[in-house]
Amino acid sequence: MEIVCVSCSRGEDEVPLTEWRYQGDRFAVCPECLPMLIHHREQAMQRWHLNRQSGGDDDAPR
């Protein structure tokens, strides 16, 4: 199974990827898509279908 960026779907043969874990799932993000995860985490999680739970303090901006 090829690892691809959860946002842009490019593989590790095209761009560097960083693997992440969240709620028991693994996903990869490339450097170009990482700022979305860092600065707009809640929007990114929804867009990338990674939110299993909603609400709570974990969704609060930091």
C-alpha atoms as a PDB file:
ATOM      1  CA  MET A   1       0.000   0.000   0.000  1.00  0.00           C
ATOM      2  CA  GLU A   2       1.481   3.333  -1.080  1.00  0.00           C
ATOM      3  CA  ILE A   3       1.586   6.104   1.499  1.00  0.00           C
ATOM      4  CA  VAL A   4       0.124   9.381   0.213  1.00  0.00           C
ATOM      5  CA  CYS A   5      -0.595  12.831   1.629  1.00  0.00           C
ATOM      6  CA  VAL A   6      -4.090  12.893   3.098  1.00  0.00           C
ATOM      7  CA  SER A   7      -4.689  16.306   1.518  1.00  0.00           C
ATOM      8  CA  CYS A   8      -3.106  16.343  -1.959  1.00  0.00           C
ATOM      9  CA  SER A   9      -2.695  12.573  -2.521  1.00  0.00           C
ATOM     10  CA  ARG A  10       0.929  12.862  -3.643  1.00  0.00           C
ATOM     11  CA  GLY A  11       3.106   9.904  -2.747  1.00  0.00           C
ATOM     12  CA  GLU A  12       6.479   9.627  -1.079  1.00  0.00           C
ATOM     13  CA  ASP A  13       8.106   9.278  -4.502  1.00  0.00           C
ATOM     14  CA  GLU A  14       6.937  12.864  -5.278  1.00  0.00           C
ATOM     15  CA  VAL A  15       7.284  14.720  -1.950  1.00  0.00           C
ATOM     16  CA  PRO A  16       8.588  14.080   1.563  1.00  0.00           C
ATOM     17  CA  LEU A  17       5.849  12.814   3.871  1.00  0.00           C
ATOM     18  CA  THR A  18       5.459  12.861   7.634  1.00  0.00           C
ATOM     19  CA  GLU A  19       3.283  10.197   9.226  1.00  0.00           C
ATOM     20  CA  TRP A  20       0.898  11.164  12.001  1.00  0.00           C
ATOM     21  CA  ARG A  21      -1.360   9.236  14.392  1.00  0.00           C
ATOM     22  CA  TYR A  22      -4.763  10.370  15.614  1.00  0.00           C
ATOM     23  CA  GLN A  23      -7.392   8.366  17.472  1.00  0.00           C
ATOM     24  CA  GLY A  24      -5.763   5.087  16.463  1.00  0.00           C
ATOM     25  CA  ASP A  25      -5.496   5.986  12.760  1.00  0.00           C
ATOM     26  CA  ARG A  26      -2.378   6.832  10.768  1.00  0.00           C
ATOM     27  CA  PHE A  27      -2.164   9.428   8.034  1.00  0.00           C
ATOM     28  CA  ALA A  28       0.589  11.226   6.145  1.00  0.00           C
ATOM     29  CA  VAL A  29       0.975  14.918   5.332  1.00  0.00           C
ATOM     30  CA  CYS A  30       3.429  16.582   2.951  1.00  0.00           C
ATOM     31  CA  PRO A  31       5.281  19.837   3.795  1.00  0.00           C
ATOM     32  CA  GLU A  32       3.024  21.904   1.541  1.00  0.00           C
ATOM     33  CA  CYS A  33      -0.164  20.705   3.286  1.00  0.00           C
ATOM     34  CA  LEU A  34       1.262  20.716   6.833  1.00  0.00           C
ATOM     35  CA  PRO A  35       0.516  24.438   7.479  1.00  0.00           C
ATOM     36  CA  MET A  36      -3.197  23.682   7.071  1.00  0.00           C
ATOM     37  CA  LEU A  37      -2.934  21.068   9.822  1.00  0.00           C
ATOM     38  CA  ILE A  38      -0.927  23.393  12.079  1.00  0.00           C
ATOM     39  CA  HIS A  39      -2.833  26.650  11.630  1.00  0.00           C
ATOM     40  CA  HIS A  40      -6.335  25.408  10.789  1.00  0.00           C
ATOM     41  CA  ARG A  41      -6.435  22.026  12.509  1.00  0.00           C
ATOM     42  CA  GLU A  42     -10.203  21.761  12.967  1.00  0.00           C
ATOM     43  CA  GLN A  43     -10.896  22.641   9.314  1.00  0.00           C
ATOM     44  CA  ALA A  44      -8.180  20.271   8.102  1.00  0.00           C
ATOM     45  CA  MET A  45      -9.473  17.390  10.213  1.00  0.00           C
ATOM     46  CA  GLN A  46     -12.988  17.871   8.830  1.00  0.00           C
ATOM     47  CA  ARG A  47     -11.783  18.263   5.235  1.00  0.00           C
ATOM     48  CA  TRP A  48      -9.561  15.200   5.488  1.00  0.00           C
ATOM     49  CA  HIS A  49     -12.320  13.199   7.270  1.00  0.00           C
ATOM     50  CA  LEU A  50     -10.170  12.564  10.348  1.00  0.00           C
ATOM     51  CA  ASN A  51     -12.633  13.732  13.025  1.00  0.00           C
ATOM     52  CA  ARG A  52     -14.375  10.880  14.769  1.00  0.00           C
ATOM     53  CA  GLN A  53     -15.359  12.906  17.801  1.00  0.00           C
ATOM     54  CA  SER A  54     -16.662  16.449  17.770  1.00  0.00           C
ATOM     55  CA  GLY A  55     -16.630  19.115  20.437  1.00  0.00           C
ATOM     56  CA  GLY A  56     -14.599  19.212  23.616  1.00  0.00           C
ATOM     57  CA  ASP A  57     -11.488  21.123  24.549  1.00  0.00           C
ATOM     58  CA  ASP A  58      -9.330  19.147  22.097  1.00  0.00           C
ATOM     59  CA  ASP A  59     -10.910  21.108  19.227  1.00  0.00           C
ATOM     60  CA  ALA A  60     -10.147  24.479  20.799  1.00  0.00           C
ATOM     61  CA  PRO A  61      -7.521  26.640  19.054  1.00  0.00           C
ATOM     62  CA  ARG A  62      -4.168  26.822  20.812  1.00  0.00           C
END
